[in-house]
C-alpha atoms as a PDB file:
ATOM      1  CA  MET A   1      14.043   2.835 -95.769  1.00  0.00           C
ATOM      2  CA  SER A   2      13.475  -0.153 -93.499  1.00  0.00           C
ATOM      3  CA  GLN A   3      10.139  -1.926 -93.150  1.00  0.00           C
ATOM      4  CA  ALA A   4       9.675  -0.477 -89.636  1.00  0.00           C
ATOM      5  CA  GLU A   5      10.275   3.075 -90.924  1.00  0.00           C
ATOM      6  CA  GLU A   6       7.860   2.541 -93.821  1.00  0.00           C
ATOM      7  CA  SER A   7       5.242   1.265 -91.376  1.00  0.00           C
ATOM      8  CA  SER A   8       5.760   4.322 -89.133  1.00  0.00           C
ATOM      9  CA  VAL A   9       5.443   6.740 -92.073  1.00  0.00           C
ATOM     10  CA  TYR A  10       2.316   4.989 -93.317  1.00  0.00           C
ATOM     11  CA  SER A  11       0.766   5.069 -89.817  1.00  0.00           C
ATOM     12  CA  THR A  12       1.553   8.792 -89.440  1.00  0.00           C
ATOM     13  CA  TRP A  13       0.036   9.532 -92.848  1.00  0.00           C
ATOM     14  CA  ASN A  14      -3.144   7.645 -91.913  1.00  0.00           C
ATOM     15  CA  ILE A  15      -3.500   9.751 -88.766  1.00  0.00           C
ATOM     16  CA  VAL A  16      -2.854  12.994 -90.675  1.00  0.00           C
ATOM     17  CA  ARG A  17      -5.342  12.264 -93.431  1.00  0.00           C
ATOM     18  CA  SER A  18      -7.981  11.180 -90.910  1.00  0.00           C
ATOM     19  CA  VAL A  19      -7.646  14.479 -89.039  1.00  0.00           C
ATOM     20  CA  VAL A  20      -7.721  16.424 -92.332  1.00  0.00           C
ATOM     21  CA  CYS A  21     -10.870  14.594 -93.483  1.00  0.00           C
ATOM     22  CA  ILE A  22     -12.618  15.321 -90.162  1.00  0.00           C
ATOM     23  CA  ILE A  23     -11.742  19.037 -90.301  1.00  0.00           C
ATOM     24  CA  LEU A  24     -12.808  19.350 -93.938  1.00  0.00           C
ATOM     25  CA  SER A  25     -16.067  17.466 -93.308  1.00  0.00           C
ATOM     26  CA  LEU A  26     -17.014  19.682 -90.366  1.00  0.00           C
ATOM     27  CA  SER A  27     -16.114  22.807 -92.374  1.00  0.00           C
ATOM     28  CA  PHE A  28     -18.396  21.688 -95.203  1.00  0.00           C
ATOM     29  CA  ILE A  29     -21.303  20.652 -92.954  1.00  0.00           C
ATOM     30  CA  ILE A  30     -21.222  23.914 -90.981  1.00  0.00           C
ATOM     31  CA  GLY A  31     -19.997  26.376 -93.581  1.00  0.00           C
ATOM     32  CA  ALA A  32     -21.928  25.498 -96.726  1.00  0.00           C
ATOM     33  CA  PRO A  33     -25.434  25.926 -95.206  1.00  0.00           C
ATOM     34  CA  GLY A  34     -24.366  29.000 -93.195  1.00  0.00           C
ATOM     35  CA  ASN A  35     -22.949  30.850 -96.195  1.00  0.00           C
ATOM     36  CA  CYS A  36     -25.869  29.803 -98.410  1.00  0.00           C
ATOM     37  CA  ILE A  37     -28.253  31.272 -95.823  1.00  0.00           C
ATOM     38  CA  VAL A  38     -26.319  34.554 -95.934  1.00  0.00           C
ATOM     39  CA  ILE A  39     -26.435  34.665 -99.763  1.00  0.00           C
ATOM     40  CA  TRP A  40     -30.131  33.728 -99.895  1.00  0.00           C
ATOM     41  CA  THR A  41     -31.060  36.254 -97.210  1.00  0.00           C
ATOM     42  CA  VAL A  42     -29.183  39.181 -98.737  1.00  0.00           C
ATOM     43  CA  CYS A  43     -30.471  38.454-102.250  1.00  0.00           C
ATOM     44  CA  THR A  44     -34.123  37.831-101.339  1.00  0.00           C
ATOM     45  CA  LYS A  45     -34.937  39.322 -97.938  1.00  0.00           C
ATOM     46  CA  MET A  46     -33.105  42.625 -97.670  1.00  0.00           C
ATOM     47  CA  LYS A  47     -34.915  45.666 -99.017  1.00  0.00           C
ATOM     48  CA  LYS A  48     -31.868  47.919 -99.014  1.00  0.00           C
ATOM     49  CA  VAL A  49     -28.363  46.518 -99.386  1.00  0.00           C
ATOM     50  CA  SER A  50     -25.623  48.679 -97.893  1.00  0.00           C
ATOM     51  CA  PRO A  51     -21.941  48.514 -98.966  1.00  0.00           C
ATOM     52  CA  SER A  52     -21.046  46.565 -95.828  1.00  0.00           C
ATOM     53  CA  VAL A  53     -23.742  44.006 -96.633  1.00  0.00           C
ATOM     54  CA  LEU A  54     -22.456  43.763-100.224  1.00  0.00           C
ATOM     55  CA  LEU A  55     -19.014  42.994 -98.815  1.00  0.00           C
ATOM     56  CA  ILE A  56     -20.558  40.328 -96.585  1.00  0.00           C
ATOM     57  CA  LEU A  57     -22.417  38.895 -99.604  1.00  0.00           C
ATOM     58  CA  ASN A  58     -19.209  38.652-101.636  1.00  0.00           C
ATOM     59  CA  LEU A  59     -17.448  37.132 -98.642  1.00  0.00           C
ATOM     60  CA  ALA A  60     -20.122  34.443 -98.451  1.00  0.00           C
ATOM     61  CA  ILE A  61     -19.802  33.771-102.197  1.00  0.00           C
ATOM     62  CA  ALA A  62     -16.014  33.416-101.884  1.00  0.00           C
ATOM     63  CA  ASP A  63     -16.446  31.044 -98.953  1.00  0.00           C
ATOM     64  CA  VAL A  64     -19.022  28.924-100.797  1.00  0.00           C
ATOM     65  CA  LEU A  65     -16.652  28.573-103.774  1.00  0.00           C
ATOM     66  CA  VAL A  66     -14.072  27.135-101.390  1.00  0.00           C
ATOM     67  CA  LEU A  67     -16.494  24.912 -99.494  1.00  0.00           C
ATOM     68  CA  ILE A  68     -18.075  23.257-102.537  1.00  0.00           C
ATOM     69  CA  THR A  69     -14.676  21.813-103.441  1.00  0.00           C
ATOM     70  CA  LEU A  70     -14.339  20.063-100.082  1.00  0.00           C
ATOM     71  CA  PRO A  71     -16.106  16.783-101.008  1.00  0.00           C
ATOM     72  CA  ILE A  72     -13.497  16.289-103.753  1.00  0.00           C
ATOM     73  CA  TRP A  73     -10.646  16.956-101.333  1.00  0.00           C
ATOM     74  CA  ILE A  74     -12.158  14.654 -98.709  1.00  0.00           C
ATOM     75  CA  TYR A  75     -12.403  11.856-101.282  1.00  0.00           C
ATOM     76  CA  SER A  76      -8.830  12.542-102.399  1.00  0.00           C
ATOM     77  CA  PHE A  77      -7.409  12.304 -98.887  1.00  0.00           C
ATOM     78  CA  ALA A  78      -9.532   9.296 -97.978  1.00  0.00           C
ATOM     79  CA  ASP A  79      -8.611   7.411-101.146  1.00  0.00           C
ATOM     80  CA  SER A  80      -6.583   8.947-103.996  1.00  0.00           C
ATOM     81  CA  TRP A  81      -6.582  11.776-106.531  1.00  0.00           C
ATOM     82  CA  VAL A  82      -8.176  10.406-109.702  1.00  0.00           C
ATOM     83  CA  PHE A  83      -9.110  13.642-111.516  1.00  0.00           C
ATOM     84  CA  GLY A  84      -5.873  14.415-113.375  1.00  0.00           C
ATOM     85  CA  VAL A  85      -3.320  17.223-113.255  1.00  0.00           C
ATOM     86  CA  VAL A  86      -5.384  19.811-115.171  1.00  0.00           C
ATOM     87  CA  PHE A  87      -8.359  19.542-112.808  1.00  0.00           C
ATOM     88  CA  CYS A  88      -5.920  19.659-109.888  1.00  0.00           C
ATOM     89  CA  LYS A  89      -4.580  23.007-111.140  1.00  0.00           C
ATOM     90  CA  ILE A  90      -8.095  24.376-111.754  1.00  0.00           C
ATOM     91  CA  LEU A  91      -9.346  23.347-108.315  1.00  0.00           C
ATOM     92  CA  VAL A  92      -6.332  24.783-106.500  1.00  0.00           C
ATOM     93  CA  PHE A  93      -6.731  28.029-108.482  1.00  0.00           C
ATOM     94  CA  ILE A  94     -10.397  28.290-107.413  1.00  0.00           C
ATOM     95  CA  ILE A  95      -9.456  27.693-103.782  1.00  0.00           C
ATOM     96  CA  TYR A  96      -6.623  30.222-103.732  1.00  0.00           C
ATOM     97  CA  CYS A  97      -8.634  32.810-105.650  1.00  0.00           C
ATOM     98  CA  SER A  98     -11.533  32.423-103.199  1.00  0.00           C
ATOM     99  CA  MET A  99      -9.292  32.437-100.134  1.00  0.00           C
ATOM    100  CA  TYR A 100      -7.512  35.616-101.253  1.00  0.00           C
ATOM    101  CA  ALA A 101     -10.916  37.197-101.932  1.00  0.00           C
ATOM    102  CA  SER A 102     -12.081  36.181 -98.461  1.00  0.00           C
ATOM    103  CA  VAL A 103      -9.040  37.759 -96.799  1.00  0.00           C
ATOM    104  CA  PHE A 104      -9.283  40.936 -98.898  1.00  0.00           C
ATOM    105  CA  LEU A 105     -13.013  41.272 -98.208  1.00  0.00           C
ATOM    106  CA  ILE A 106     -12.468  40.918 -94.452  1.00  0.00           C
ATOM    107  CA  THR A 107      -9.819  43.638 -94.767  1.00  0.00           C
ATOM    108  CA  ALA A 108     -12.248  45.834 -96.712  1.00  0.00           C
ATOM    109  CA  LEU A 109     -14.872  45.313 -94.005  1.00  0.00           C
ATOM    110  CA  SER A 110     -12.415  46.443 -91.340  1.00  0.00           C
ATOM    111  CA  LEU A 111     -11.585  49.556 -93.383  1.00  0.00           C
ATOM    112  CA  GLU A 112     -15.299  50.238 -93.875  1.00  0.00           C
ATOM    113  CA  ARG A 113     -15.829  49.929 -90.134  1.00  0.00           C
ATOM    114  CA  LEU A 114     -12.991  52.372 -89.508  1.00  0.00           C
ATOM    115  CA  MET A 115     -14.547  54.871 -91.915  1.00  0.00           C
ATOM    116  CA  ALA A 116     -17.985  54.404 -90.356  1.00  0.00           C
ATOM    117  CA  VAL A 117     -16.666  55.270 -86.898  1.00  0.00           C
ATOM    118  CA  PHE A 118     -14.210  58.056 -87.794  1.00  0.00           C
ATOM    119  CA  TYR A 119     -15.912  59.655 -90.801  1.00  0.00           C
ATOM    120  CA  PRO A 120     -19.629  58.773 -90.527  1.00  0.00           C
ATOM    121  CA  PHE A 121     -20.771  61.805 -92.529  1.00  0.00           C
ATOM    122  CA  ALA A 122     -18.063  61.785 -95.193  1.00  0.00           C
ATOM    123  CA  ILE A 123     -18.478  58.046 -95.863  1.00  0.00           C
ATOM    124  CA  LYS A 124     -22.017  58.645 -97.125  1.00  0.00           C
ATOM    125  CA  ARG A 125     -20.594  60.375-100.204  1.00  0.00           C
ATOM    126  CA  TYR A 126     -18.547  57.283-101.046  1.00  0.00           C
ATOM    127  CA  LYS A 127     -21.230  54.697-100.314  1.00  0.00           C
ATOM    128  CA  THR A 128     -22.615  54.591-103.842  1.00  0.00           C
ATOM    129  CA  LYS A 129     -23.287  51.452-105.864  1.00  0.00           C
ATOM    130  CA  GLY A 130     -20.870  52.556-108.566  1.00  0.00           C
ATOM    131  CA  LYS A 131     -17.957  53.120-106.194  1.00  0.00           C
ATOM    132  CA  ILE A 132     -18.563  49.983-104.145  1.00  0.00           C
ATOM    133  CA  SER A 133     -18.795  47.994-107.401  1.00  0.00           C
ATOM    134  CA  ILE A 134     -15.336  49.277-108.348  1.00  0.00           C
ATOM    135  CA  VAL A 135     -14.019  48.116-104.961  1.00  0.00           C
ATOM    136  CA  MET A 136     -15.562  44.651-105.470  1.00  0.00           C
ATOM    137  CA  PHE A 137     -14.110  44.433-108.987  1.00  0.00           C
ATOM    138  CA  LEU A 138     -10.618  45.343-107.759  1.00  0.00           C
ATOM    139  CA  ILE A 139     -10.817  42.825-104.906  1.00  0.00           C
ATOM    140  CA  TRP A 140     -11.802  39.977-107.242  1.00  0.00           C
ATOM    141  CA  LEU A 141      -9.256  41.070-109.863  1.00  0.00           C
ATOM    142  CA  LEU A 142      -6.456  40.985-107.276  1.00  0.00           C
ATOM    143  CA  SER A 143      -7.715  37.651-105.987  1.00  0.00           C
ATOM    144  CA  ILE A 144      -7.676  36.143-109.493  1.00  0.00           C
ATOM    145  CA  ALA A 145      -4.182  37.529-110.111  1.00  0.00           C
ATOM    146  CA  PHE A 146      -2.784  36.077-106.873  1.00  0.00           C
ATOM    147  CA  GLY A 147      -4.686  32.828-107.395  1.00  0.00           C
ATOM    148  CA  THR A 148      -3.262  32.453-110.915  1.00  0.00           C
ATOM    149  CA  ALA A 149       0.273  32.558-109.517  1.00  0.00           C
ATOM    150  CA  VAL A 150      -0.088  29.041-108.072  1.00  0.00           C
ATOM    151  CA  ILE A 151      -1.125  27.353-111.354  1.00  0.00           C
ATOM    152  CA  PRO A 152       2.359  26.831-112.904  1.00  0.00           C
ATOM    153  CA  PHE A 153       3.683  25.145-109.733  1.00  0.00           C
ATOM    154  CA  GLN A 154       0.780  22.891-108.782  1.00  0.00           C
ATOM    155  CA  GLU A 155       1.254  19.191-109.563  1.00  0.00           C
ATOM    156  CA  THR A 156       0.097  15.783-108.352  1.00  0.00           C
ATOM    157  CA  GLU A 157       2.353  13.513-106.303  1.00  0.00           C
ATOM    158  CA  GLU A 158       2.312  10.045-104.818  1.00  0.00           C
ATOM    159  CA  THR A 159       2.168   9.914-101.017  1.00  0.00           C
ATOM    160  CA  SER A 160       2.178   6.618 -99.124  1.00  0.00           C
ATOM    161  CA  GLY A 161       1.003   4.722-102.175  1.00  0.00           C
ATOM    162  CA  SER A 162      -1.777   7.188-103.129  1.00  0.00           C
ATOM    163  CA  LEU A 163      -1.836  10.039-105.629  1.00  0.00           C
ATOM    164  CA  HIS A 164      -2.654  13.493-104.226  1.00  0.00           C
ATOM    165  CA  CYS A 165      -3.018  17.033-105.583  1.00  0.00           C
ATOM    166  CA  THR A 166      -0.606  18.546-103.055  1.00  0.00           C
ATOM    167  CA  CYS A 167       2.738  18.950-104.805  1.00  0.00           C
ATOM    168  CA  ARG A 168       4.447  22.204-105.823  1.00  0.00           C
ATOM    169  CA  ASN A 169       7.080  21.878-108.537  1.00  0.00           C
ATOM    170  CA  TYR A 170       9.406  24.896-108.477  1.00  0.00           C
ATOM    171  CA  SER A 171      12.198  25.377-111.023  1.00  0.00           C
ATOM    172  CA  SER A 172      14.582  26.798-108.421  1.00  0.00           C
ATOM    173  CA  SER A 173      14.938  27.552-104.731  1.00  0.00           C
ATOM    174  CA  ARG A 174      14.730  31.263-105.487  1.00  0.00           C
ATOM    175  CA  GLN A 175      11.390  30.786-107.245  1.00  0.00           C
ATOM    176  CA  ARG A 176      10.112  28.744-104.304  1.00  0.00           C
ATOM    177  CA  VAL A 177      11.087  31.395-101.760  1.00  0.00           C
ATOM    178  CA  SER A 178       9.627  34.198-103.922  1.00  0.00           C
ATOM    179  CA  TYR A 179       6.261  32.498-104.249  1.00  0.00           C
ATOM    180  CA  LEU A 180       6.018  31.566-100.554  1.00  0.00           C
ATOM    181  CA  LEU A 181       6.878  35.154 -99.582  1.00  0.00           C
ATOM    182  CA  LEU A 182       4.235  36.493-101.962  1.00  0.00           C
ATOM    183  CA  GLU A 183       1.601  34.142-100.550  1.00  0.00           C
ATOM    184  CA  THR A 184       2.412  34.975 -96.927  1.00  0.00           C
ATOM    185  CA  LEU A 185       2.666  38.742 -97.435  1.00  0.00           C
ATOM    186  CA  ALA A 186      -0.445  39.104 -99.621  1.00  0.00           C
ATOM    187  CA  GLY A 187      -2.525  36.429 -97.907  1.00  0.00           C
ATOM    188  CA  PHE A 188      -1.703  37.163 -94.281  1.00  0.00           C
ATOM    189  CA  ALA A 189       0.909  39.698 -93.197  1.00  0.00           C
ATOM    190  CA  VAL A 190      -0.312  42.825 -95.026  1.00  0.00           C
ATOM    191  CA  PRO A 191      -4.076  42.184 -94.486  1.00  0.00           C
ATOM    192  CA  PHE A 192      -3.415  41.300 -90.846  1.00  0.00           C
ATOM    193  CA  LEU A 193      -1.487  44.541 -90.318  1.00  0.00           C
ATOM    194  CA  ILE A 194      -4.312  46.558 -91.884  1.00  0.00           C
ATOM    195  CA  ILE A 195      -7.008  44.749 -89.858  1.00  0.00           C
ATOM    196  CA  CYS A 196      -5.144  45.201 -86.576  1.00  0.00           C
ATOM    197  CA  THR A 197      -4.418  48.881 -87.298  1.00  0.00           C
ATOM    198  CA  CYS A 198      -8.069  49.538 -88.126  1.00  0.00           C
ATOM    199  CA  TYR A 199      -9.429  47.828 -85.043  1.00  0.00           C
ATOM    200  CA  VAL A 200      -6.875  49.363 -82.676  1.00  0.00           C
ATOM    201  CA  CYS A 201      -7.922  52.799 -83.948  1.00  0.00           C
ATOM    202  CA  VAL A 202     -11.606  51.873 -83.653  1.00  0.00           C
ATOM    203  CA  ALA A 203     -11.085  50.507 -80.125  1.00  0.00           C
ATOM    204  CA  ARG A 204      -9.432  53.731 -79.016  1.00  0.00           C
ATOM    205  CA  ARG A 205     -12.182  55.798 -80.580  1.00  0.00           C
ATOM    206  CA  ILE A 206     -15.095  53.886 -79.099  1.00  0.00           C
ATOM    207  CA  SER A 207     -13.428  53.718 -75.678  1.00  0.00           C
ATOM    208  CA  ARG A 208     -14.654  57.307 -75.330  1.00  0.00           C
ATOM    209  CA  MET A 209     -18.212  56.328 -76.247  1.00  0.00           C
ATOM    210  CA  THR A 210     -20.869  54.662 -74.126  1.00  0.00           C
ATOM    211  CA  TYR A 211     -19.974  51.589 -72.108  1.00  0.00           C
ATOM    212  CA  GLN A 212     -22.452  49.439 -74.037  1.00  0.00           C
ATOM    213  CA  SER A 213     -20.974  50.434 -77.375  1.00  0.00           C
ATOM    214  CA  LYS A 214     -17.501  49.773 -76.054  1.00  0.00           C
ATOM    215  CA  GLN A 215     -18.464  46.249 -74.992  1.00  0.00           C
ATOM    216  CA  ARG A 216     -20.085  45.439 -78.327  1.00  0.00           C
ATOM    217  CA  SER A 217     -17.234  46.698 -80.463  1.00  0.00           C
ATOM    218  CA  GLU A 218     -14.473  45.149 -78.400  1.00  0.00           C
ATOM    219  CA  ARG A 219     -16.106  41.706 -78.626  1.00  0.00           C
ATOM    220  CA  LEU A 220     -16.493  42.116 -82.387  1.00  0.00           C
ATOM    221  CA  ILE A 221     -12.868  43.193 -82.743  1.00  0.00           C
ATOM    222  CA  ALA A 222     -11.629  40.260 -80.665  1.00  0.00           C
ATOM    223  CA  SER A 223     -13.700  37.659 -82.549  1.00  0.00           C
ATOM    224  CA  ILE A 224     -12.635  38.785 -86.041  1.00  0.00           C
ATOM    225  CA  VAL A 225      -8.936  39.230 -85.258  1.00  0.00           C
ATOM    226  CA  VAL A 226      -8.626  36.023 -83.206  1.00  0.00           C
ATOM    227  CA  ALA A 227     -10.453  33.981 -85.865  1.00  0.00           C
ATOM    228  CA  PHE A 228      -8.201  35.467 -88.549  1.00  0.00           C
ATOM    229  CA  ILE A 229      -5.067  34.504 -86.613  1.00  0.00           C
ATOM    230  CA  LEU A 230      -6.231  31.011 -85.648  1.00  0.00           C
ATOM    231  CA  CYS A 231      -7.313  30.105 -89.182  1.00  0.00           C
ATOM    232  CA  TRP A 232      -4.442  31.552 -91.201  1.00  0.00           C
ATOM    233  CA  PHE A 233      -1.366  31.813 -88.999  1.00  0.00           C
ATOM    234  CA  PRO A 234      -0.500  28.057 -88.938  1.00  0.00           C
ATOM    235  CA  HIS A 235      -0.568  27.845 -92.745  1.00  0.00           C
ATOM    236  CA  HIS A 236       1.729  30.828 -93.167  1.00  0.00           C
ATOM    237  CA  LEU A 237       3.948  29.733 -90.270  1.00  0.00           C
ATOM    238  CA  PHE A 238       4.768  26.592 -92.241  1.00  0.00           C
ATOM    239  CA  ASN A 239       5.421  28.791 -95.282  1.00  0.00           C
ATOM    240  CA  ILE A 240       7.967  30.715 -93.222  1.00  0.00           C
ATOM    241  CA  LEU A 241       9.563  27.489 -91.973  1.00  0.00           C
ATOM    242  CA  ASP A 242       9.746  26.305 -95.573  1.00  0.00           C
ATOM    243  CA  ILE A 243      11.514  29.527 -96.570  1.00  0.00           C
ATOM    244  CA  ILE A 244      13.990  29.144 -93.687  1.00  0.00           C
ATOM    245  CA  SER A 245      14.632  25.545 -94.746  1.00  0.00           C
ATOM    246  CA  VAL A 246      15.541  26.670 -98.262  1.00  0.00           C
ATOM    247  CA  GLN A 247      17.744  29.513 -97.019  1.00  0.00           C
ATOM    248  CA  ILE A 248      19.839  27.293 -94.694  1.00  0.00           C
ATOM    249  CA  GLU A 249      19.975  24.311 -97.066  1.00  0.00           C
ATOM    250  CA  LEU A 250      23.673  24.795 -97.811  1.00  0.00           C
ATOM    251  CA  SER A 251      24.865  26.109 -94.444  1.00  0.00           C
ATOM    252  CA  ASN A 252      22.971  23.699 -92.186  1.00  0.00           C
ATOM    253  CA  GLU A 253      21.723  20.672 -94.096  1.00  0.00           C
ATOM    254  CA  ALA A 254      20.604  18.742 -90.999  1.00  0.00           C
ATOM    255  CA  MET A 255      18.407  21.577 -89.745  1.00  0.00           C
ATOM    256  CA  SER A 256      17.045  22.107 -93.257  1.00  0.00           C
ATOM    257  CA  LEU A 257      16.004  18.457 -93.506  1.00  0.00           C
ATOM    258  CA  ALA A 258      14.413  18.608 -90.046  1.00  0.00           C
ATOM    259  CA  LEU A 259      12.378  21.662 -91.052  1.00  0.00           C
ATOM    260  CA  ASP A 260      11.365  19.933 -94.291  1.00  0.00           C
ATOM    261  CA  GLU A 261      10.035  17.025 -92.277  1.00  0.00           C
ATOM    262  CA  ILE A 262       8.094  19.327 -89.946  1.00  0.00           C
ATOM    263  CA  VAL A 263       6.597  21.222 -92.880  1.00  0.00           C
ATOM    264  CA  GLY A 264       5.777  17.984 -94.706  1.00  0.00           C
ATOM    265  CA  ARG A 265       3.794  16.672 -91.725  1.00  0.00           C
ATOM    266  CA  GLY A 266       2.147  19.914 -90.655  1.00  0.00           C
ATOM    267  CA  VAL A 267       1.203  21.530 -93.945  1.00  0.00           C
ATOM    268  CA  TYR A 268      -1.842  19.284 -94.426  1.00  0.00           C
ATOM    269  CA  ILE A 269      -3.295  20.091 -91.003  1.00  0.00           C
ATOM    270  CA  SER A 270      -2.567  23.814 -91.329  1.00  0.00           C
ATOM    271  CA  GLY A 271      -4.126  23.857 -94.807  1.00  0.00           C
ATOM    272  CA  ALA A 272      -7.244  22.155 -93.453  1.00  0.00           C
ATOM    273  CA  LEU A 273      -7.450  24.695 -90.613  1.00  0.00           C
ATOM    274  CA  ALA A 274      -7.413  27.513 -93.185  1.00  0.00           C
ATOM    275  CA  PHE A 275     -10.677  26.110 -94.576  1.00  0.00           C
ATOM    276  CA  ILE A 276     -12.297  26.822 -91.202  1.00  0.00           C
ATOM    277  CA  SER A 277     -12.067  30.514 -92.084  1.00  0.00           C
ATOM    278  CA  SER A 278     -14.631  29.890 -94.818  1.00  0.00           C
ATOM    279  CA  CYS A 279     -17.118  28.268 -92.457  1.00  0.00           C
ATOM    280  CA  ILE A 280     -16.717  30.546 -89.454  1.00  0.00           C
ATOM    281  CA  ASN A 281     -17.444  33.908 -91.129  1.00  0.00           C
ATOM    282  CA  PRO A 282     -21.271  33.668 -91.063  1.00  0.00           C
ATOM    283  CA  LEU A 283     -21.105  32.569 -87.425  1.00  0.00           C
ATOM    284  CA  LEU A 284     -18.886  35.523 -86.516  1.00  0.00           C
ATOM    285  CA  TYR A 285     -21.271  38.047 -88.037  1.00  0.00           C
ATOM    286  CA  ALA A 286     -24.333  36.328 -86.615  1.00  0.00           C
ATOM    287  CA  PHE A 287     -22.950  36.253 -83.081  1.00  0.00           C
ATOM    288  CA  ALA A 288     -21.579  39.792 -83.399  1.00  0.00           C
ATOM    289  CA  ALA A 289     -24.979  41.014 -84.534  1.00  0.00           C
ATOM    290  CA  ARG A 290     -26.655  39.086 -81.713  1.00  0.00           C
ATOM    291  CA  ARG A 291     -25.440  41.799 -79.363  1.00  0.00           C
ATOM    292  CA  PHE A 292     -28.104  44.044 -80.796  1.00  0.00           C
ATOM    293  CA  GLN A 293     -30.808  41.522 -79.866  1.00  0.00           C
ATOM    294  CA  ASN A 294     -31.306  39.172 -76.951  1.00  0.00           C
ATOM    295  CA  HIS A 295     -31.304  36.051 -79.088  1.00  0.00           C
ATOM    296  CA  LEU A 296     -29.797  34.633 -82.275  1.00  0.00           C
ATOM    297  CA  ARG A 297     -32.103  33.645 -85.123  1.00  0.00           C
ATOM    298  CA  PHE A 298     -30.644  32.871 -88.540  1.00  0.00           C
ATOM    299  CA  GLY A 299     -34.066  33.567 -90.048  1.00  0.00           C
ATOM    300  CA  LYS A 300     -33.624  37.215 -89.008  1.00  0.00           C
ATOM    301  CA  ILE A 301     -30.045  37.520 -90.209  1.00  0.00           C
ATOM    302  CA  SER A 302     -30.961  40.427 -92.511  1.00  0.00           C
ATOM    303  CA  LYS A 303     -32.122  42.420 -89.471  1.00  0.00           C
ATOM    304  CA  LEU A 304     -28.947  41.516 -87.640  1.00  0.00           C
ATOM    305  CA  PHE A 305     -26.724  42.751 -90.479  1.00  0.00           C
ATOM    306  CA  GLU A 306     -28.741  45.951 -90.831  1.00  0.00           C
ATOM    307  CA  GLN A 307     -28.593  46.665 -87.106  1.00  0.00           C
ATOM    308  CA  MET A 308     -24.883  45.940 -86.928  1.00  0.00           C
ATOM    309  CA  SER A 309     -24.064  48.305 -89.787  1.00  0.00           C
ATOM    310  CA  HIS A 310     -26.544  50.974 -88.626  1.00  0.00           C
ATOM    311  CA  THR A 311     -25.348  50.959 -85.024  1.00  0.00           C
ATOM    312  CA  VAL A 312     -21.666  51.362 -85.903  1.00  0.00           C
ATOM    313  CA  THR A 313     -22.414  54.338 -88.144  1.00  0.00           C
ATOM    314  CA  GLU A 314     -24.805  55.935 -85.650  1.00  0.00           C
ATOM    315  CA  GLU A 315     -22.248  55.626 -82.857  1.00  0.00           C
ATOM    316  CA  GLY A 316     -19.732  57.374 -85.095  1.00  0.00           C
ATOM    317  CA  LYS A 317     -22.239  60.113 -85.871  1.00  0.00           C
ATOM    318  CA  LYS A 318     -22.989  60.601 -82.189  1.00  0.00           C
ATOM    319  CA  LYS A 319     -19.312  60.859 -81.424  1.00  0.00           C
ATOM    320  CA  GLY A 320     -18.777  63.228 -84.342  1.00  0.00           C
ATOM    321  CA  LEU A 321     -21.657  65.446 -83.288  1.00  0.00           C
ATOM    322  CA  SER A 322     -20.433  65.387 -79.705  1.00  0.00           C
ATOM    323  CA  GLU A 323     -16.931  66.461 -80.733  1.00  0.00           C
ATOM    324  CA  THR A 324     -18.331  69.150 -83.063  1.00  0.00           C
ATOM    325  CA  LYS A 325     -20.455  70.600 -80.256  1.00  0.00           C
ATOM    326  CA  HIS A 326     -17.470  70.450 -77.910  1.00  0.00           C
ATOM    327  CA  GLU A 327     -15.308  72.337 -80.423  1.00  0.00           C
ATOM    328  CA  GLU A 328     -18.059  74.922 -80.970  1.00  0.00           C
ATOM    329  CA  SER A 329     -18.386  75.351 -77.211  1.00  0.00           C
ATOM    330  CA  LEU A 330     -14.628  75.879 -76.863  1.00  0.00           C
ATOM    331  CA  GLY A 331     -14.738  78.382 -79.711  1.00  0.00           C
ATOM    332  CA  SER A 332     -17.539  80.322 -78.081  1.00  0.00           C
ATOM    333  CA  THR A 333     -15.655  80.382 -74.770  1.00  0.00           C
ATOM    334  CA  GLU A 334     -12.518  81.687 -76.430  1.00  0.00           C
ATOM    335  CA  ASN A 335     -14.485  84.448 -78.191  1.00  0.00           C
ATOM    336  CA  LEU A 336     -15.858  85.541 -74.840  1.00  0.00           C
END
């Protein structure tokens, strides 16, 4: 590599790491206090904690676990990784475990919302502490299992003269493709399909309710789905490009190398964007719940969560009662 090429690579890396450090810093500054407020409020201010609020609490815990690692990552990108390979593996495991938990909890919330709207009476029988605890346990167990999968591959590498905890060391191309597929399917594609299916069904259901309810729910649906896509899609897009690069390595070496270069430059930015998911969740719920009041006050976040959960269920009950009465009316007419 010529001196001019080395200078260009070094300049590009400086720009990339500056952008990454800015994104991570903003995520930490915004997300850490926001999620801590959610945890503190649910644990100390709420008299009765519903299953949906327990999901939100666990989501905040998962996000905090991710966010508290950010100062270490910021230091690493600004300077160098000085904490060793073992700590690198542990930290990446914590991040992946927490990120999987965050995605799975958002999926569980969408399923809970679907149940609240379609089966508002039946869901009461399943909203027990024992059953919701089993759901939480399974979510965290799956998250730990998927998070553990990254440990054998995670290594440190030298980039532009600095050591960083960003390298994956696969034993074969097949192993690389298998892991990337697992990460993309479990961490994005399957949860995204479930979330979209749930909210499309909910949107159709509430379109037959009052206009005010329709407005509220559609805004909530749009904010959650759009945030999910914006935060996670770039990361998994580069995973897909990486898979394509491996698959065409023998048939089209030039294209494979070009894709490798694109992935190498973009994976840091896309990874940093994924951290935004951990800081935006409390804002999404706060602004969604604001629709039930005329103003947003984080000090009243417990009331906002309660109203959000209560309103969704009550709308479902109203719709259910309305349909039951309609069916009874049709039955009476037919008997006549």
